[in-house]
Amino acid sequence: MKDVTAETFEAEVLKSEKPVIVDFWAEWCGPCRALGPILEQINAEQDGIEIVKVNIDKEMNLAEAYQITSIPAMKVFVAGSAVKTIIGAKPKGAIEEALADYLG
């Protein structure tokens, strides 16, 4: 999964032709670290989506712009708009269920 910064967010997320799931996380967040391998597995299994990461400690402006108040938080972007938010670490099946509309 790619790390996205304020400089690359528009090109990687907002202008993507595929739905993009943005994982807002931080290194000190235990649940974020637990969620990472699950998202990497989903990303490897799915061709129709892209999953990227935003480190909120390094990209505070992005976290603020998208109203990230707790982590882990995932936002689904379609055609440049945030269309869904998922808060908290969940098992793979629950994440796939929450993202079913966007997974192939």
N, C-alpha and C. Protein backbone atom coordinates (compact mmCIF):
# COMPACT_ATOMS: atom_id res chain seq x y z
N MET A 1 0.85 -1.18 0.00
CA MET A 1 0.00 0.00 0.00
C MET A 1 0.89 1.23 0.00
N LYS A 2 0.45 2.22 -0.74
CA LYS A 2 1.21 3.46 -0.85
C LYS A 2 0.93 4.37 0.34
N ASP A 3 1.95 5.11 0.73
CA ASP A 3 1.76 6.21 1.66
C ASP A 3 1.44 7.44 0.83
N VAL A 4 0.37 8.13 1.19
CA VAL A 4 -0.05 9.32 0.46
C VAL A 4 0.19 10.54 1.35
N THR A 5 0.66 11.60 0.73
CA THR A 5 0.92 12.85 1.45
C THR A 5 0.01 13.93 0.89
N ALA A 6 0.05 15.10 1.51
CA ALA A 6 -0.74 16.23 1.02
C ALA A 6 -0.38 16.53 -0.44
N GLU A 7 0.90 16.34 -0.79
CA GLU A 7 1.34 16.63 -2.15
C GLU A 7 0.81 15.62 -3.17
N THR A 8 0.60 14.37 -2.76
CA THR A 8 0.16 13.34 -3.70
C THR A 8 -1.31 12.97 -3.57
N PHE A 9 -2.00 13.53 -2.58
CA PHE A 9 -3.39 13.13 -2.29
C PHE A 9 -4.31 13.36 -3.49
N GLU A 10 -4.20 14.51 -4.10
CA GLU A 10 -5.11 14.81 -5.22
C GLU A 10 -4.93 13.81 -6.36
N ALA A 11 -3.69 13.57 -6.76
CA ALA A 11 -3.42 12.65 -7.88
C ALA A 11 -3.76 11.21 -7.52
N GLU A 12 -3.38 10.76 -6.32
CA GLU A 12 -3.55 9.36 -5.94
C GLU A 12 -4.98 9.01 -5.51
N VAL A 13 -5.68 9.98 -4.93
CA VAL A 13 -7.00 9.70 -4.37
C VAL A 13 -8.11 10.40 -5.14
N LEU A 14 -8.06 11.70 -5.18
CA LEU A 14 -9.18 12.47 -5.75
C LEU A 14 -9.33 12.28 -7.25
N LYS A 15 -8.23 12.05 -7.96
CA LYS A 15 -8.31 11.89 -9.42
C LYS A 15 -8.22 10.44 -9.87
N SER A 16 -8.27 9.51 -8.93
CA SER A 16 -8.19 8.10 -9.28
C SER A 16 -9.43 7.66 -10.03
N GLU A 17 -9.23 6.79 -11.01
CA GLU A 17 -10.37 6.24 -11.74
C GLU A 17 -11.03 5.10 -10.97
N LYS A 18 -10.31 4.52 -10.04
CA LYS A 18 -10.85 3.44 -9.20
C LYS A 18 -11.32 4.04 -7.87
N PRO A 19 -12.23 3.35 -7.17
CA PRO A 19 -12.49 3.75 -5.78
C PRO A 19 -11.21 3.60 -4.96
N VAL A 20 -10.98 4.53 -4.05
CA VAL A 20 -9.78 4.51 -3.22
C VAL A 20 -10.20 4.49 -1.75
N ILE A 21 -9.64 3.57 -1.00
CA ILE A 21 -9.85 3.52 0.44
C ILE A 21 -8.62 4.13 1.08
N VAL A 22 -8.83 5.17 1.87
CA VAL A 22 -7.73 5.84 2.54
C VAL A 22 -7.75 5.42 4.00
N ASP A 23 -6.66 4.82 4.43
CA ASP A 23 -6.49 4.39 5.82
C ASP A 23 -5.75 5.51 6.55
N PHE A 24 -6.47 6.22 7.41
CA PHE A 24 -5.85 7.25 8.25
C PHE A 24 -5.34 6.56 9.51
N TRP A 25 -4.04 6.65 9.78
CA TRP A 25 -3.42 5.88 10.85
C TRP A 25 -2.27 6.66 11.48
N ALA A 26 -1.69 6.08 12.53
CA ALA A 26 -0.49 6.63 13.16
C ALA A 26 0.34 5.47 13.69
N GLU A 27 1.66 5.68 13.74
CA GLU A 27 2.56 4.61 14.18
C GLU A 27 2.30 4.18 15.62
N TRP A 28 1.88 5.10 16.49
CA TRP A 28 1.66 4.79 17.90
C TRP A 28 0.33 4.10 18.18
N CYS A 29 -0.49 3.94 17.16
CA CYS A 29 -1.85 3.40 17.31
C CYS A 29 -1.83 1.87 17.12
N GLY A 30 -2.01 1.14 18.23
CA GLY A 30 -2.03 -0.33 18.17
C GLY A 30 -3.07 -0.89 17.24
N PRO A 31 -4.34 -0.45 17.34
CA PRO A 31 -5.35 -0.96 16.42
C PRO A 31 -5.02 -0.65 14.95
N CYS A 32 -4.36 0.48 14.69
CA CYS A 32 -3.95 0.82 13.32
C CYS A 32 -2.95 -0.21 12.81
N ARG A 33 -1.99 -0.56 13.67
CA ARG A 33 -0.99 -1.55 13.27
C ARG A 33 -1.62 -2.92 13.04
N ALA A 34 -2.65 -3.25 13.80
CA ALA A 34 -3.35 -4.53 13.61
C ALA A 34 -4.14 -4.53 12.30
N LEU A 35 -4.68 -3.39 11.94
CA LEU A 35 -5.49 -3.27 10.73
C LEU A 35 -4.65 -3.30 9.46
N GLY A 36 -3.42 -2.81 9.53
CA GLY A 36 -2.56 -2.70 8.35
C GLY A 36 -2.44 -3.98 7.54
N PRO A 37 -2.08 -5.12 8.14
CA PRO A 37 -1.94 -6.35 7.35
C PRO A 37 -3.26 -6.80 6.71
N ILE A 38 -4.38 -6.54 7.38
CA ILE A 38 -5.68 -6.90 6.81
C ILE A 38 -5.93 -6.08 5.55
N LEU A 39 -5.67 -4.78 5.63
CA LEU A 39 -5.88 -3.92 4.46
C LEU A 39 -4.91 -4.28 3.34
N GLU A 40 -3.68 -4.64 3.68
CA GLU A 40 -2.73 -5.06 2.66
C GLU A 40 -3.22 -6.32 1.94
N GLN A 41 -3.80 -7.24 2.70
CA GLN A 41 -4.32 -8.47 2.11
C GLN A 41 -5.49 -8.15 1.18
N ILE A 42 -6.43 -7.32 1.62
CA ILE A 42 -7.57 -6.94 0.78
C ILE A 42 -7.07 -6.23 -0.48
N ASN A 43 -6.10 -5.34 -0.33
CA ASN A 43 -5.55 -4.60 -1.47
C ASN A 43 -4.95 -5.56 -2.50
N ALA A 44 -4.25 -6.60 -2.02
CA ALA A 44 -3.63 -7.57 -2.92
C ALA A 44 -4.67 -8.43 -3.64
N GLU A 45 -5.81 -8.66 -2.99
CA GLU A 45 -6.84 -9.54 -3.56
C GLU A 45 -7.80 -8.82 -4.50
N GLN A 46 -7.85 -7.51 -4.45
CA GLN A 46 -8.85 -6.74 -5.20
C GLN A 46 -8.19 -5.89 -6.28
N ASP A 47 -8.67 -6.04 -7.51
CA ASP A 47 -8.14 -5.23 -8.61
C ASP A 47 -8.92 -3.94 -8.81
N GLY A 48 -10.17 -3.92 -8.36
CA GLY A 48 -11.05 -2.80 -8.67
C GLY A 48 -10.94 -1.62 -7.73
N ILE A 49 -10.09 -1.74 -6.70
CA ILE A 49 -9.93 -0.65 -5.73
C ILE A 49 -8.44 -0.41 -5.49
N GLU A 50 -8.17 0.69 -4.85
CA GLU A 50 -6.82 1.01 -4.40
C GLU A 50 -6.92 1.33 -2.91
N ILE A 51 -6.00 0.84 -2.11
CA ILE A 51 -5.97 1.19 -0.69
C ILE A 51 -4.65 1.92 -0.44
N VAL A 52 -4.74 3.10 0.16
CA VAL A 52 -3.56 3.90 0.47
C VAL A 52 -3.60 4.29 1.94
N LYS A 53 -2.46 4.77 2.45
CA LYS A 53 -2.35 5.13 3.87
C LYS A 53 -1.99 6.60 4.00
N VAL A 54 -2.55 7.23 5.02
CA VAL A 54 -2.17 8.60 5.38
C VAL A 54 -1.79 8.58 6.85
N ASN A 55 -0.54 8.93 7.14
CA ASN A 55 -0.06 9.02 8.52
C ASN A 55 -0.52 10.36 9.07
N ILE A 56 -1.44 10.34 10.03
CA ILE A 56 -2.03 11.60 10.51
C ILE A 56 -1.04 12.46 11.27
N ASP A 57 0.02 11.87 11.81
CA ASP A 57 1.03 12.67 12.50
C ASP A 57 1.85 13.49 11.52
N LYS A 58 2.04 12.96 10.32
CA LYS A 58 2.81 13.67 9.29
C LYS A 58 1.92 14.54 8.41
N GLU A 59 0.64 14.18 8.32
CA GLU A 59 -0.29 14.87 7.42
C GLU A 59 -1.50 15.38 8.21
N MET A 60 -1.22 16.22 9.20
CA MET A 60 -2.28 16.74 10.07
C MET A 60 -3.34 17.52 9.29
N ASN A 61 -2.92 18.22 8.25
CA ASN A 61 -3.88 19.01 7.47
C ASN A 61 -4.89 18.12 6.76
N LEU A 62 -4.44 16.98 6.24
CA LEU A 62 -5.37 16.05 5.60
C LEU A 62 -6.33 15.46 6.63
N ALA A 63 -5.81 15.08 7.78
CA ALA A 63 -6.66 14.53 8.83
C ALA A 63 -7.72 15.55 9.24
N GLU A 64 -7.31 16.80 9.36
CA GLU A 64 -8.27 17.84 9.74
C GLU A 64 -9.28 18.09 8.62
N ALA A 65 -8.81 18.13 7.38
CA ALA A 65 -9.70 18.40 6.25
C ALA A 65 -10.79 17.34 6.11
N TYR A 66 -10.46 16.10 6.45
CA TYR A 66 -11.43 15.01 6.33
C TYR A 66 -12.02 14.60 7.68
N GLN A 67 -11.90 15.47 8.66
CA GLN A 67 -12.55 15.34 9.97
C GLN A 67 -12.25 14.01 10.65
N ILE A 68 -10.97 13.66 10.66
CA ILE A 68 -10.54 12.43 11.33
C ILE A 68 -10.34 12.77 12.81
N THR A 69 -11.22 12.25 13.65
CA THR A 69 -11.15 12.53 15.08
C THR A 69 -10.75 11.31 15.90
N SER A 70 -10.81 10.13 15.30
CA SER A 70 -10.32 8.92 15.96
C SER A 70 -9.76 8.00 14.89
N ILE A 71 -8.78 7.20 15.29
CA ILE A 71 -8.16 6.28 14.34
C ILE A 71 -8.14 4.88 14.92
N PRO A 72 -8.07 3.84 14.11
CA PRO A 72 -8.00 3.91 12.66
C PRO A 72 -9.34 4.37 12.06
N ALA A 73 -9.22 5.09 10.97
CA ALA A 73 -10.39 5.54 10.22
C ALA A 73 -10.10 5.31 8.75
N MET A 74 -11.08 4.77 8.06
CA MET A 74 -10.96 4.57 6.62
C MET A 74 -12.04 5.38 5.94
N LYS A 75 -11.67 6.06 4.89
CA LYS A 75 -12.64 6.79 4.08
C LYS A 75 -12.56 6.23 2.67
N VAL A 76 -13.73 6.00 2.08
CA VAL A 76 -13.81 5.53 0.71
C VAL A 76 -14.08 6.74 -0.18
N PHE A 77 -13.24 6.91 -1.19
CA PHE A 77 -13.38 8.00 -2.14
C PHE A 77 -13.76 7.42 -3.51
N VAL A 78 -14.81 7.99 -4.09
CA VAL A 78 -15.22 7.62 -5.44
C VAL A 78 -15.37 8.91 -6.22
N ALA A 79 -14.70 8.98 -7.37
CA ALA A 79 -14.76 10.15 -8.25
C ALA A 79 -14.47 11.44 -7.48
N GLY A 80 -13.50 11.37 -6.58
CA GLY A 80 -13.06 12.57 -5.88
C GLY A 80 -13.83 12.96 -4.64
N SER A 81 -14.85 12.19 -4.29
CA SER A 81 -15.66 12.50 -3.11
C SER A 81 -15.59 11.39 -2.09
N ALA A 82 -15.55 11.77 -0.81
CA ALA A 82 -15.62 10.79 0.27
C ALA A 82 -17.07 10.33 0.38
N VAL A 83 -17.29 9.02 0.19
CA VAL A 83 -18.65 8.50 0.17
C VAL A 83 -18.97 7.59 1.36
N LYS A 84 -17.95 7.18 2.10
CA LYS A 84 -18.19 6.28 3.23
C LYS A 84 -17.03 6.40 4.21
N THR A 85 -17.35 6.26 5.50
CA THR A 85 -16.34 6.28 6.55
C THR A 85 -16.52 5.04 7.42
N ILE A 86 -15.41 4.40 7.73
CA ILE A 86 -15.40 3.24 8.63
C ILE A 86 -14.42 3.56 9.75
N ILE A 87 -14.89 3.50 10.98
CA ILE A 87 -14.06 3.83 12.14
C ILE A 87 -13.73 2.55 12.90
N GLY A 88 -12.48 2.40 13.29
CA GLY A 88 -12.08 1.30 14.16
C GLY A 88 -11.51 0.11 13.43
N ALA A 89 -10.71 -0.66 14.15
CA ALA A 89 -10.15 -1.90 13.61
C ALA A 89 -11.22 -2.98 13.69
N LYS A 90 -11.34 -3.72 12.61
CA LYS A 90 -12.34 -4.78 12.52
C LYS A 90 -11.70 -6.00 11.86
N PRO A 91 -12.28 -7.18 12.05
CA PRO A 91 -11.76 -8.36 11.35
C PRO A 91 -11.96 -8.21 9.83
N LYS A 92 -11.20 -8.98 9.09
CA LYS A 92 -11.24 -8.88 7.63
C LYS A 92 -12.65 -9.01 7.08
N GLY A 93 -13.41 -10.00 7.56
CA GLY A 93 -14.77 -10.20 7.05
C GLY A 93 -15.66 -8.98 7.25
N ALA A 94 -15.54 -8.33 8.39
CA ALA A 94 -16.35 -7.14 8.67
C ALA A 94 -15.95 -5.97 7.76
N ILE A 95 -14.66 -5.85 7.49
CA ILE A 95 -14.20 -4.79 6.58
C ILE A 95 -14.71 -5.06 5.17
N GLU A 96 -14.57 -6.30 4.73
CA GLU A 96 -15.05 -6.65 3.39
C GLU A 96 -16.55 -6.43 3.27
N GLU A 97 -17.29 -6.74 4.32
CA GLU A 97 -18.74 -6.51 4.31
C GLU A 97 -19.05 -5.01 4.21
N ALA A 98 -18.32 -4.20 4.98
CA ALA A 98 -18.53 -2.76 4.95
C ALA A 98 -18.17 -2.16 3.59
N LEU A 99 -17.23 -2.80 2.92
CA LEU A 99 -16.76 -2.29 1.62
C LEU A 99 -17.35 -3.04 0.43
N ALA A 100 -18.34 -3.88 0.67
CA ALA A 100 -18.88 -4.76 -0.37
C ALA A 100 -19.30 -4.01 -1.65
N ASP A 101 -19.83 -2.81 -1.50
CA ASP A 101 -20.27 -2.05 -2.68
C ASP A 101 -19.10 -1.64 -3.57
N TYR A 102 -17.88 -1.67 -3.04
CA TYR A 102 -16.72 -1.19 -3.79
C TYR A 102 -15.76 -2.28 -4.19
N LEU A 103 -15.94 -3.49 -3.63
CA LEU A 103 -15.06 -4.61 -3.94
C LEU A 103 -15.62 -5.40 -5.11
N GLY A 104 -14.72 -5.97 -5.91
CA GLY A 104 -15.14 -6.72 -7.09
C GLY A 104 -15.71 -8.06 -6.77
